[in-house]
Protein backbone atom coordinates (compact mmCIF):
# COMPACT_ATOMS: atom_id res chain seq x y z
CA UNK A 1 -7.21 -7.56 5.02
CA UNK A 2 -5.07 -6.64 7.95
CA UNK A 3 -7.18 -4.19 9.93
CA UNK A 4 -10.63 -4.25 11.50
CA UNK A 5 -11.60 -1.29 9.34
CA UNK A 6 -10.66 -3.16 6.15
CA UNK A 7 -12.66 -6.20 7.26
CA UNK A 8 -15.69 -4.07 8.22
CA UNK A 9 -15.43 -2.27 4.87
CA UNK A 10 -15.48 -5.68 3.16
CA UNK A 11 -18.57 -6.66 5.18
CA UNK A 12 -20.34 -3.46 4.15
CA UNK A 13 -19.48 -3.94 0.47
CA UNK A 14 -20.82 -7.49 0.79
CA UNK A 15 -24.07 -6.17 2.28
CA UNK A 16 -24.42 -3.59 -0.50
CA UNK A 17 -23.67 -6.18 -3.17
CA UNK A 18 -26.21 -8.57 -1.64
CA UNK A 19 -28.74 -5.70 -1.58
CA UNK A 20 -29.14 -5.67 2.22
CA UNK A 21 -27.89 -2.07 2.17
CA UNK A 22 -28.58 0.57 -0.45
CA UNK A 23 -25.71 1.91 -2.51
CA UNK A 24 -26.48 5.59 -1.93
CA UNK A 25 -27.71 5.48 1.67
CA UNK A 26 -25.78 2.64 3.28
CA UNK A 27 -24.83 4.68 6.37
CA UNK A 28 -28.47 5.64 6.93
CA UNK A 29 -29.50 2.00 6.40
CA UNK A 30 -26.88 0.89 8.93
CA UNK A 31 -28.05 3.52 11.41
CA UNK A 32 -31.66 2.38 11.14
CA UNK A 33 -30.85 -1.35 11.12
CA UNK A 34 -28.47 -1.17 14.06
CA UNK A 35 -30.62 1.42 15.88
CA UNK A 36 -27.50 3.55 16.24
CA UNK A 37 -26.93 7.25 15.59
CA UNK A 38 -25.77 8.16 12.07
CA UNK A 39 -22.77 10.03 13.52
CA UNK A 40 -21.64 6.88 15.34
CA UNK A 41 -21.83 4.90 12.10
CA UNK A 42 -19.95 7.59 10.19
CA UNK A 43 -17.18 7.87 12.78
CA UNK A 44 -16.79 4.11 13.10
CA UNK A 45 -16.55 3.68 9.32
CA UNK A 46 -13.98 6.46 9.09
CA UNK A 47 -11.75 4.38 11.38
CA UNK A 48 -12.23 6.18 14.70
CA UNK A 49 -11.25 3.40 17.13
CA UNK A 50 -13.33 4.85 19.94
CA UNK A 51 -16.40 4.06 17.77
CA UNK A 52 -15.14 1.05 15.78
CA UNK A 53 -15.27 -1.19 18.84
CA UNK A 54 -15.67 -4.95 19.09
CA UNK A 55 -19.23 -4.39 20.32
CA UNK A 56 -20.01 -2.18 17.29
CA UNK A 57 -18.63 -4.81 14.89
CA UNK A 58 -20.51 -7.63 16.62
CA UNK A 59 -23.77 -5.63 16.52
CA UNK A 60 -23.21 -4.86 12.82
CA UNK A 61 -22.69 -8.52 12.01
CA UNK A 62 -25.65 -9.62 14.17
CA UNK A 63 -27.97 -7.04 12.58
CA UNK A 64 -27.55 -8.67 9.18
CA UNK A 65 -27.74 -12.32 10.21
CA UNK A 66 -24.07 -12.99 11.07
CA UNK A 67 -22.82 -13.60 7.52
CA UNK A 68 -19.20 -13.29 8.70
CA UNK A 69 -17.17 -15.19 11.26
CA UNK A 70 -16.83 -12.87 14.27
CA UNK A 71 -13.25 -14.05 15.00
CA UNK A 72 -12.29 -13.07 11.47
CA UNK A 73 -13.97 -9.67 11.72
CA UNK A 74 -12.40 -8.83 15.08
CA UNK A 75 -8.98 -10.47 14.81
CA UNK A 76 -8.48 -11.60 11.21
CA UNK A 77 -8.44 -15.23 12.36
CA UNK A 78 -10.27 -18.18 10.85
CA UNK A 79 -12.52 -18.29 7.83
CA UNK A 80 -14.07 -15.08 6.54
CA UNK A 81 -17.63 -16.32 6.12
CA UNK A 82 -19.67 -18.27 8.63
CA UNK A 83 -20.47 -21.77 7.49
CA UNK A 84 -24.08 -21.46 6.50
CA UNK A 85 -26.25 -24.26 5.22
CA UNK A 86 -27.77 -23.20 1.92
CA UNK A 87 -30.00 -26.22 1.41
CA UNK A 88 -29.78 -29.17 -0.94
CA UNK A 89 -27.61 -28.21 -3.91
CA UNK A 90 -27.47 -31.70 -5.39
CA UNK A 91 -29.32 -30.75 -8.58
CA UNK A 92 -27.87 -27.25 -8.87
CA UNK A 93 -25.63 -25.96 -11.61
CA UNK A 94 -22.73 -23.63 -10.90
CA UNK A 95 -20.38 -22.53 -13.65
CA UNK A 96 -16.79 -21.85 -12.63
CA UNK A 97 -17.19 -23.14 -9.09
CA UNK A 98 -15.46 -26.12 -7.50
CA UNK A 99 -16.93 -27.45 -4.28
CA UNK A 100 -14.72 -30.19 -2.85
CA UNK A 101 -14.04 -30.81 0.83
CA UNK A 102 -13.54 -28.13 3.45
CA UNK A 103 -11.43 -25.75 1.37
CA UNK A 104 -14.25 -24.65 -0.89
CA UNK A 105 -13.35 -21.90 -3.31
CA UNK A 106 -14.48 -20.16 -6.43
CA UNK A 107 -12.95 -17.75 -8.87
CA UNK A 108 -14.64 -14.48 -9.65
CA UNK A 109 -14.18 -13.45 -13.28
CA UNK A 110 -11.93 -10.42 -13.73
CA UNK A 111 -14.75 -8.47 -15.36
CA UNK A 112 -16.84 -8.77 -12.18
CA UNK A 113 -13.88 -7.76 -10.01
CA UNK A 114 -13.51 -4.61 -12.15
CA UNK A 115 -17.22 -3.80 -11.82
CA UNK A 116 -17.09 -4.19 -8.02
CA UNK A 117 -13.90 -2.12 -7.78
CA UNK A 118 -15.40 0.69 -9.92
CA UNK A 119 -18.62 0.53 -7.91
CA UNK A 120 -16.66 0.83 -4.67
CA UNK A 121 -14.71 3.86 -5.94
CA UNK A 122 -17.88 5.60 -7.08
CA UNK A 123 -19.50 4.91 -3.74
CA UNK A 124 -16.53 6.38 -1.84
CA UNK A 125 -16.53 9.49 -4.06
CA UNK A 126 -20.26 9.97 -3.61
CA UNK A 127 -19.91 9.61 0.16
CA UNK A 128 -17.20 12.29 0.19
CA UNK A 129 -19.47 14.61 -1.78
CA UNK A 130 -22.40 13.93 0.57
CA UNK A 131 -20.21 14.59 3.62
CA UNK A 132 -19.13 17.93 2.11
CA UNK A 133 -22.75 18.85 1.42
CA UNK A 134 -23.71 18.03 5.01
CA UNK A 135 -21.01 20.38 6.28
CA UNK A 136 -22.27 23.13 3.96
CA UNK A 137 -25.86 22.58 5.14
CA UNK A 138 -24.78 22.64 8.79
CA UNK A 139 -22.86 25.90 8.21
CA UNK A 140 -25.83 27.47 6.42
CA UNK A 141 -28.18 26.50 9.22
CA UNK A 142 -25.90 28.26 11.72
CA UNK A 143 -26.32 31.52 9.83
CA UNK A 144 -30.09 31.19 9.66
CA UNK A 145 -30.37 31.17 13.47
């Protein structure tokens, strides 16, 4: 992920996947959680650099408990996720996960990658449709006045 927008998009997909944001109303959820206008959220997530500022990204990350390393979000440097203590996992079972040393990694099965990719495409298509409907509603309300 080379750009801030790509990294922020990844953060948002993570928040949706972890159910901290709703699939259908994630921009509204962000607006309410960050106490920021919906238009600001929409413009930032469309890549408008005057809205997708370092302060915006930091506030987004802070609002949801700082799951991501701020240096990675802003500059693409360092580890993606913050090192977070998850408790004692001594008696836990994890299938398909290796946890050795500082370079911890896991492999996501291809079937799950496909589900996430399809989910992401559907979400983008639905957002485009909702944006079009908002324009239509705004145009209709102009004629009613």
